[in-house]
Amino acid sequence: MGTFDNVVFKPFSLLILILLSFQLHADAVPRLSNFTTFVFGDSLVDAGNNDYIFTLAKADSPPYGIDFKPSGGKPTGRFTNGRTIADIVGQTLGAKSYPPPYLAPNTEAEASLKGINYASGASGIMDRTGFFFIGRIPLGEQVNNFEQSRNYMVNAMGENGTREVLKKAVFSLTIGSNDILNYVQPFLGHEKLFPTTFLDFMISNLTLQLERLHEMGARKLIVVGVGPLGCIPFVRAFNLLPSGKCSSAVNALIRAYNQRLKALLNRLNQEMGPDAIFVFANSYDVFMDILTKYRRFGFENADEPCCGGYFPPFVCFKSGNANTSAPALCEDRSKYVFWDAYHPTEAANVIIAKQLVDGDESVSFPINIRKLYFYNYN
């Protein structure tokens, strides 16, 4: 038996050791996940950054996150009952986990593997937007934070390695809603500029940040247009609009902004393509389609928020005080378009994300997100 062991099992053991050594070496080399994304934006895509700053714009209390399975239904800082549009898009394209919020501990090491989420509730394209909520991370500061992540990546894998990662990653920007909301609500607002001047300021500030991202290596960028805010419960309540009615003035302003945004992205494609591609996501029409045909999409209520009520103060959180009653919460969250007075439910986010990933040019132009992900250039 001893001779047999020497002849057979020792070479076999040596083979095992070689394979284990190879695996350990492979594990020490950073490997890209199926889908790497860097997310910028506001509360529509915030994954928890506002939990780490002093702000009135938080989603760290129940029932926020009640349907978010990875947390077991506990709040994660997402401003909805479950997944955000960015979460769902990533899952659809093969992501095994969600990009962590930038301000969470020890996230830098994950930047090259699955990306990072820099989004912040109440933030806007312009620095002043959201001042009423005290703390927030404006778009310019979000891009500054990405620059810090990029520096970490360069130290870890070098400039060339970093550029290889970034040119394949998808950069998404979902921002602008709070700028519009602040403009149309005087008590929150910007100084009253002419609408065209205000929109020009938004576009010029956004252009600066897109150019910065491109300079740092972003090559696949999707910018989500502003949705029909004139139809959200918050705006309809403040304008005393009856059920089913939207603020035509607010929606007209948004359509004008989206036209400017699409023109900007077309210009950037002409100037920087084909080595980079900028995609316009037409969330306005997608969401308006849901509102006007909500029963066809399986919803029963497209007016009221599932949580927090239809009138001010629109509170949707459960106090830590046991004597305080829980917020009004609808029985079936999958039947409501709106989660709270500002944000869609996960059920609505699923429909929007599916359209953005696989929709035609009327939804995402010049290509949809799936094609953007597989887009190659020389």
Protein backbone atom coordinates (compact mmCIF):
# COMPACT_ATOMS: atom_id res chain seq x y z
CA MET A 1 0.00 0.00 0.00
CA GLY A 2 2.82 2.39 0.86
CA THR A 3 4.43 1.88 -2.57
CA PHE A 4 1.04 2.34 -4.25
CA ASP A 5 0.52 5.57 -2.30
CA ASN A 6 3.92 6.82 -3.39
CA VAL A 7 3.25 6.08 -7.02
CA VAL A 8 -0.32 7.34 -7.34
CA PHE A 9 -1.34 9.76 -4.62
CA LYS A 10 1.76 11.91 -4.37
CA PRO A 11 1.59 13.10 -7.99
CA PHE A 12 -2.14 13.56 -7.51
CA SER A 13 -1.51 15.62 -4.36
CA LEU A 14 1.06 17.66 -6.25
CA LEU A 15 -1.50 18.32 -8.97
CA ILE A 16 -3.99 19.50 -6.33
CA LEU A 17 -1.40 21.85 -4.87
CA ILE A 18 -0.64 23.28 -8.30
CA LEU A 19 -4.33 23.84 -8.99
CA LEU A 20 -4.86 25.44 -5.59
CA SER A 21 -1.86 27.67 -6.13
CA PHE A 22 -3.20 28.72 -9.51
CA GLN A 23 -6.63 29.45 -8.02
CA LEU A 24 -5.14 31.52 -5.20
CA HIS A 25 -3.14 33.48 -7.73
CA ALA A 26 -6.24 33.99 -9.89
CA ASP A 27 -8.24 35.15 -6.89
CA ALA A 28 -5.59 37.75 -6.12
CA VAL A 29 -6.10 39.36 -9.55
CA PRO A 30 -9.06 41.77 -9.77
CA ARG A 31 -11.74 40.41 -12.08
CA LEU A 32 -14.49 42.41 -13.69
CA SER A 33 -18.07 41.52 -12.92
CA ASN A 34 -20.53 41.11 -15.76
CA PHE A 35 -21.79 44.65 -15.34
CA THR A 36 -19.80 47.56 -13.95
CA THR A 37 -21.63 50.84 -13.51
CA PHE A 38 -21.06 54.24 -11.94
CA VAL A 39 -24.33 55.83 -10.87
CA PHE A 40 -24.88 59.57 -10.43
CA GLY A 41 -28.12 61.29 -9.59
CA ASP A 42 -30.77 62.16 -7.03
CA SER A 43 -33.21 60.24 -4.82
CA LEU A 44 -34.53 58.26 -7.78
CA VAL A 45 -31.28 56.25 -7.72
CA ASP A 46 -29.71 57.03 -4.31
CA ALA A 47 -28.60 53.72 -2.76
CA GLY A 48 -27.88 55.10 0.71
CA ASN A 49 -25.39 57.96 0.49
CA ASN A 50 -27.73 60.30 2.36
CA ASP A 51 -27.64 57.93 5.32
CA TYR A 52 -24.09 59.14 5.92
CA ILE A 53 -24.70 62.91 5.89
CA PHE A 54 -26.75 65.33 7.97
CA THR A 55 -29.85 65.95 5.87
CA LEU A 56 -33.61 66.13 6.01
CA ALA A 57 -33.75 63.99 2.87
CA LYS A 58 -33.40 60.48 4.25
CA ALA A 59 -35.00 57.12 3.60
CA ASP A 60 -33.49 55.28 6.54
CA SER A 61 -36.72 54.46 8.39
CA PRO A 62 -39.47 51.90 7.73
CA PRO A 63 -41.40 51.33 5.59
CA TYR A 64 -38.79 52.42 3.03
CA GLY A 65 -37.13 49.28 1.69
CA ILE A 66 -39.97 47.03 2.83
CA ASP A 67 -39.72 45.01 -0.41
CA PHE A 68 -35.94 45.16 -0.82
CA LYS A 69 -35.00 41.48 -0.53
CA PRO A 70 -31.22 41.79 0.04
CA SER A 71 -31.85 43.72 3.26
CA GLY A 72 -34.72 41.56 4.41
CA GLY A 73 -37.11 44.46 4.04
CA LYS A 74 -35.07 46.88 6.13
CA PRO A 75 -34.34 50.43 4.93
CA THR A 76 -31.15 50.89 2.90
CA GLY A 77 -31.48 54.57 2.05
CA ARG A 78 -33.37 53.91 -1.17
CA PHE A 79 -36.34 56.26 -1.60
CA THR A 80 -38.80 53.55 -2.58
CA ASN A 81 -40.24 50.31 -1.29
CA GLY A 82 -37.76 48.11 -3.17
CA ARG A 83 -35.27 48.45 -5.99
CA THR A 84 -34.47 51.63 -7.87
CA ILE A 85 -34.35 51.85 -11.65
CA ALA A 86 -30.54 51.66 -11.51
CA ASP A 87 -30.72 48.48 -9.42
CA ILE A 88 -33.09 46.82 -11.87
CA VAL A 89 -31.10 47.84 -14.95
CA GLY A 90 -27.95 46.37 -13.43
CA GLN A 91 -29.67 43.09 -12.54
CA THR A 92 -31.15 42.83 -16.01
CA LEU A 93 -27.70 43.13 -17.56
CA GLY A 94 -26.09 40.53 -15.34
CA ALA A 95 -24.90 42.35 -12.21
CA LYS A 96 -24.54 39.93 -9.31
CA SER A 97 -24.83 42.69 -6.70
CA TYR A 98 -25.57 46.40 -6.50
CA PRO A 99 -22.90 49.12 -6.61
CA PRO A 100 -22.39 50.28 -3.02
CA PRO A 101 -22.99 53.89 -1.98
CA TYR A 102 -19.79 55.92 -2.18
CA LEU A 103 -20.01 57.11 1.43
CA ALA A 104 -20.39 53.62 2.88
CA PRO A 105 -17.20 52.26 4.50
CA ASN A 106 -14.64 50.39 2.39
CA THR A 107 -16.27 50.83 -1.00
CA GLU A 108 -13.25 51.99 -2.99
CA ALA A 109 -11.88 48.49 -3.48
CA GLU A 110 -15.09 47.49 -5.24
CA ALA A 111 -14.94 50.28 -7.81
CA SER A 112 -13.23 48.20 -10.50
CA LEU A 113 -15.43 45.17 -9.85
CA LYS A 114 -19.00 46.47 -9.87
CA GLY A 115 -18.83 50.25 -9.74
CA ILE A 116 -20.04 52.74 -7.15
CA ASN A 117 -23.22 54.70 -6.57
CA TYR A 118 -22.63 58.44 -5.95
CA ALA A 119 -26.28 59.57 -6.07
CA SER A 120 -27.79 61.73 -3.34
CA GLY A 121 -31.40 62.51 -2.49
CA ALA A 122 -32.43 66.18 -2.85
CA SER A 123 -29.42 66.92 -5.06
CA GLY A 124 -29.45 68.63 -8.40
CA ILE A 125 -27.38 69.67 -11.36
CA MET A 126 -26.85 73.06 -9.74
CA ASP A 127 -25.14 73.35 -6.37
CA ARG A 128 -27.88 75.44 -4.76
CA THR A 129 -30.63 72.94 -5.53
CA GLY A 130 -32.00 71.22 -2.44
CA PHE A 131 -30.64 73.72 0.09
CA PHE A 132 -33.92 73.46 1.98
CA PHE A 133 -32.99 69.89 2.94
CA ILE A 134 -29.62 71.09 4.31
CA GLY A 135 -27.34 68.19 3.38
CA ARG A 136 -27.09 66.74 -0.13
CA ILE A 137 -24.35 65.98 -2.65
CA PRO A 138 -24.73 68.08 -5.82
CA LEU A 139 -23.72 66.61 -9.16
CA GLY A 140 -20.42 68.47 -9.25
CA GLU A 141 -19.44 67.02 -5.89
CA GLN A 142 -20.55 63.56 -7.03
CA VAL A 143 -18.14 63.86 -9.95
CA ASN A 144 -15.44 65.00 -7.51
CA ASN A 145 -16.09 61.83 -5.52
CA PHE A 146 -15.73 59.75 -8.68
CA GLU A 147 -12.39 61.43 -9.27
CA GLN A 148 -11.27 60.18 -5.85
CA SER A 149 -12.44 56.67 -6.76
CA ARG A 150 -10.52 56.91 -10.00
CA ASN A 151 -7.35 57.91 -8.14
CA TYR A 152 -7.75 54.83 -5.97
CA MET A 153 -8.10 52.66 -9.07
CA VAL A 154 -5.01 54.19 -10.66
CA ASN A 155 -2.99 53.44 -7.53
CA ALA A 156 -4.27 49.86 -7.56
CA MET A 157 -4.02 48.97 -11.26
CA GLY A 158 -2.27 51.83 -13.04
CA GLU A 159 -3.55 54.40 -15.51
CA ASN A 160 -3.89 51.98 -18.43
CA GLY A 161 -5.70 49.38 -16.36
CA THR A 162 -8.07 52.01 -15.02
CA ARG A 163 -8.88 53.31 -18.49
CA GLU A 164 -9.62 49.76 -19.65
CA VAL A 165 -12.14 49.34 -16.84
CA LEU A 166 -13.75 52.73 -17.35
CA LYS A 167 -14.18 52.47 -21.10
CA LYS A 168 -16.28 49.33 -20.64
CA ALA A 169 -18.29 50.58 -17.68
CA VAL A 170 -21.70 52.23 -18.00
CA PHE A 171 -22.06 55.70 -16.49
CA SER A 172 -25.62 56.79 -15.72
CA LEU A 173 -26.88 60.21 -14.66
CA THR A 174 -30.43 60.53 -13.35
CA ILE A 175 -30.70 64.12 -12.20
CA GLY A 176 -32.52 67.38 -12.86
CA SER A 177 -35.87 66.72 -11.18
CA ASN A 178 -35.00 68.65 -8.03
CA ASP A 179 -33.72 71.60 -10.06
CA ILE A 180 -37.11 71.79 -11.75
CA LEU A 181 -39.06 71.28 -8.51
CA ASN A 182 -37.08 74.01 -6.77
CA TYR A 183 -37.70 76.38 -9.66
CA VAL A 184 -41.46 75.89 -9.69
CA GLN A 185 -41.80 76.05 -5.90
CA PRO A 186 -40.83 79.60 -4.86
CA PHE A 187 -40.35 78.78 -1.18
CA LEU A 188 -37.69 76.22 -2.12
CA GLY A 189 -36.29 78.03 -4.95
CA HIS A 190 -33.77 79.56 -7.15
CA GLU A 191 -33.94 83.24 -7.90
CA LYS A 192 -36.67 83.67 -10.44
CA LEU A 193 -34.95 83.65 -13.78
CA PHE A 194 -36.74 83.51 -17.09
CA PRO A 195 -37.51 79.85 -17.83
CA THR A 196 -35.23 79.77 -20.87
CA THR A 197 -32.36 81.27 -18.86
CA PHE A 198 -32.90 78.77 -16.06
CA LEU A 199 -32.89 75.82 -18.48
CA ASP A 200 -29.74 77.13 -20.13
CA PHE A 201 -28.04 77.21 -16.72
CA MET A 202 -29.06 73.61 -16.13
CA ILE A 203 -27.68 72.48 -19.48
CA SER A 204 -24.42 74.42 -19.16
CA ASN A 205 -23.76 72.96 -15.69
CA LEU A 206 -24.60 69.46 -16.87
CA THR A 207 -22.34 69.86 -19.91
CA LEU A 208 -19.40 70.72 -17.66
CA GLN A 209 -19.85 67.56 -15.60
CA LEU A 210 -20.31 65.30 -18.64
CA GLU A 211 -17.10 66.70 -20.13
CA ARG A 212 -15.28 66.06 -16.85
CA LEU A 213 -16.44 62.44 -16.80
CA HIS A 214 -15.36 61.98 -20.40
CA GLU A 215 -11.96 63.48 -19.66
CA MET A 216 -11.52 60.99 -16.81
CA GLY A 217 -12.28 58.04 -19.06
CA ALA A 218 -16.06 57.59 -19.25
CA ARG A 219 -17.02 56.35 -22.71
CA LYS A 220 -20.51 54.86 -22.28
CA LEU A 221 -22.87 57.41 -20.76
CA ILE A 222 -26.62 57.45 -20.38
CA VAL A 223 -28.41 60.58 -19.20
CA VAL A 224 -32.00 60.14 -18.07
CA GLY A 225 -34.35 62.97 -18.93
CA VAL A 226 -36.67 64.45 -16.31
CA GLY A 227 -40.01 62.70 -15.96
CA PRO A 228 -43.49 64.32 -15.86
CA LEU A 229 -43.17 65.93 -12.43
CA GLY A 230 -46.38 67.82 -13.04
CA CYS A 231 -48.16 64.52 -12.37
CA ILE A 232 -46.51 63.48 -9.11
CA PRO A 233 -48.67 63.70 -5.96
CA PHE A 234 -46.53 66.46 -4.42
CA VAL A 235 -46.96 68.85 -7.35
CA ARG A 236 -50.64 68.02 -7.91
CA ALA A 237 -51.44 68.58 -4.22
CA PHE A 238 -49.71 71.96 -4.09
CA ASN A 239 -51.48 73.04 -7.23
CA LEU A 240 -54.83 71.74 -5.93
CA LEU A 241 -55.32 69.60 -9.03
CA PRO A 242 -58.11 67.03 -9.14
CA SER A 243 -57.55 63.33 -9.61
CA GLY A 244 -56.06 62.45 -12.98
CA LYS A 245 -54.93 66.01 -13.74
CA CYS A 246 -51.32 67.17 -14.10
CA SER A 247 -49.69 70.59 -14.00
CA SER A 248 -49.37 71.52 -17.66
CA ALA A 249 -47.01 74.41 -16.82
CA VAL A 250 -44.54 72.17 -14.97
CA ASN A 251 -44.64 69.49 -17.65
CA ALA A 252 -44.12 72.08 -20.41
CA LEU A 253 -40.98 73.31 -18.64
CA ILE A 254 -39.72 69.73 -18.37
CA ARG A 255 -40.35 68.99 -22.04
CA ALA A 256 -38.36 72.11 -22.95
CA TYR A 257 -35.49 70.92 -20.74
CA ASN A 258 -35.55 67.42 -22.22
CA GLN A 259 -35.38 68.85 -25.74
CA ARG A 260 -32.30 70.82 -24.78
CA LEU A 261 -30.79 67.76 -23.12
CA LYS A 262 -31.30 65.59 -26.19
CA ALA A 263 -29.74 68.27 -28.39
CA LEU A 264 -26.75 68.47 -26.04
CA LEU A 265 -26.17 64.72 -26.15
CA ASN A 266 -26.47 64.70 -29.95
CA ARG A 267 -23.80 67.41 -30.11
CA LEU A 268 -21.49 65.51 -27.75
CA ASN A 269 -21.90 62.38 -29.87
CA GLN A 270 -20.85 64.34 -32.95
CA GLU A 271 -17.87 65.89 -31.18
CA MET A 272 -16.64 62.87 -29.19
CA GLY A 273 -17.96 59.86 -31.11
CA PRO A 274 -17.46 57.15 -32.09
CA ASP A 275 -14.94 56.65 -29.27
CA ALA A 276 -17.66 57.68 -26.81
CA ILE A 277 -21.42 57.47 -26.88
CA PHE A 278 -23.99 59.52 -25.00
CA VAL A 279 -27.51 58.08 -24.72
CA PHE A 280 -30.64 60.09 -24.00
CA ALA A 281 -33.22 58.15 -21.96
CA ASN A 282 -36.75 59.43 -22.53
CA SER A 283 -38.20 58.71 -19.10
CA TYR A 284 -40.87 61.38 -19.62
CA ASP A 285 -42.78 59.48 -22.29
CA VAL A 286 -42.24 56.11 -20.61
CA PHE A 287 -43.68 57.31 -17.30
CA MET A 288 -46.50 59.26 -18.94
CA ASP A 289 -47.47 56.09 -20.79
CA ILE A 290 -47.71 54.28 -17.45
CA LEU A 291 -49.90 57.05 -15.99
CA THR A 292 -52.30 57.21 -18.89
CA LYS A 293 -52.59 53.42 -19.33
CA TYR A 294 -51.97 52.35 -15.75
CA ARG A 295 -54.62 49.62 -15.71
CA ARG A 296 -53.08 48.02 -18.78
CA PHE A 297 -49.82 47.78 -16.82
CA GLY A 298 -51.57 46.10 -13.89
CA PHE A 299 -51.93 49.12 -11.58
CA GLU A 300 -55.11 50.20 -9.81
CA ASN A 301 -54.01 53.64 -8.58
CA ALA A 302 -51.98 56.21 -10.50
CA ASP A 303 -52.90 59.26 -8.40
CA GLU A 304 -52.25 58.64 -4.73
CA PRO A 305 -49.01 57.60 -3.05
CA CYS A 306 -48.96 54.17 -1.45
CA CYS A 307 -47.26 55.61 1.61
CA GLY A 308 -47.60 58.89 3.49
CA GLY A 309 -50.85 60.30 2.25
CA TYR A 310 -51.89 62.68 -0.50
CA PHE A 311 -51.61 65.96 1.41
CA PRO A 312 -48.75 67.77 3.21
CA PRO A 313 -46.51 66.96 4.97
CA PHE A 314 -46.37 63.75 2.87
CA VAL A 315 -44.57 61.91 5.66
CA CYS A 316 -43.67 58.31 4.86
CA PHE A 317 -41.66 56.96 7.76
CA LYS A 318 -42.29 55.17 11.02
CA SER A 319 -41.07 57.01 14.07
CA GLY A 320 -38.82 55.25 16.55
CA ASN A 321 -41.39 56.16 19.19
CA ALA A 322 -43.52 53.09 19.85
CA ASN A 323 -46.47 55.30 20.69
CA THR A 324 -46.40 56.92 17.26
CA SER A 325 -48.65 55.33 14.70
CA ALA A 326 -47.20 53.95 11.50
CA PRO A 327 -47.71 55.93 8.28
CA ALA A 328 -50.65 55.22 6.06
CA LEU A 329 -49.59 52.35 3.80
CA CYS A 330 -51.55 50.84 0.94
CA GLU A 331 -52.49 47.19 1.11
CA ASP A 332 -50.95 46.11 -2.19
CA ARG A 333 -47.84 48.05 -3.18
CA SER A 334 -47.69 46.38 -6.59
CA LYS A 335 -50.96 48.10 -7.55
CA TYR A 336 -49.68 51.66 -7.00
CA VAL A 337 -47.60 53.73 -9.41
CA PHE A 338 -46.35 56.07 -6.68
CA TRP A 339 -44.63 54.90 -3.52
CA ASP A 340 -44.62 58.30 -1.81
CA ALA A 341 -45.43 61.83 -2.95
CA TYR A 342 -42.30 62.00 -5.11
CA HIS A 343 -41.06 58.54 -6.09
CA PRO A 344 -42.35 55.54 -8.06
CA THR A 345 -42.91 52.11 -6.53
CA GLU A 346 -40.62 49.24 -7.40
CA ALA A 347 -43.42 47.92 -9.65
CA ALA A 348 -43.29 51.12 -11.72
CA ASN A 349 -39.48 51.12 -11.67
CA VAL A 350 -39.46 47.62 -13.18
CA ILE A 351 -41.50 48.80 -16.17
CA ILE A 352 -39.37 51.91 -16.67
CA ALA A 353 -36.11 49.95 -16.42
CA LYS A 354 -37.29 47.33 -18.91
CA GLN A 355 -38.12 50.05 -21.43
CA LEU A 356 -34.76 51.78 -20.98
CA VAL A 357 -32.83 48.52 -21.36
CA ASP A 358 -34.59 47.13 -24.43
CA GLY A 359 -36.73 49.94 -25.82
CA ASP A 360 -36.53 51.44 -29.29
CA GLU A 361 -35.13 54.83 -30.32
CA SER A 362 -38.22 56.64 -29.06
CA VAL A 363 -37.19 55.58 -25.55
CA SER A 364 -33.39 55.56 -25.68
CA PHE A 365 -31.50 57.42 -28.38
CA PRO A 366 -29.38 56.63 -30.34
CA ILE A 367 -29.31 53.13 -28.77
CA ASN A 368 -30.84 51.45 -25.73
CA ILE A 369 -28.91 50.51 -22.58
CA ARG A 370 -28.41 46.87 -23.57
CA LYS A 371 -26.81 47.94 -26.84
CA LEU A 372 -24.81 50.57 -24.97
CA TYR A 373 -23.46 47.91 -22.64
CA PHE A 374 -22.28 45.78 -25.58
CA TYR A 375 -21.12 48.79 -27.60
CA ASN A 376 -17.55 48.43 -28.82
CA TYR A 377 -15.30 50.96 -30.46
CA ASN A 378 -11.76 50.91 -31.78
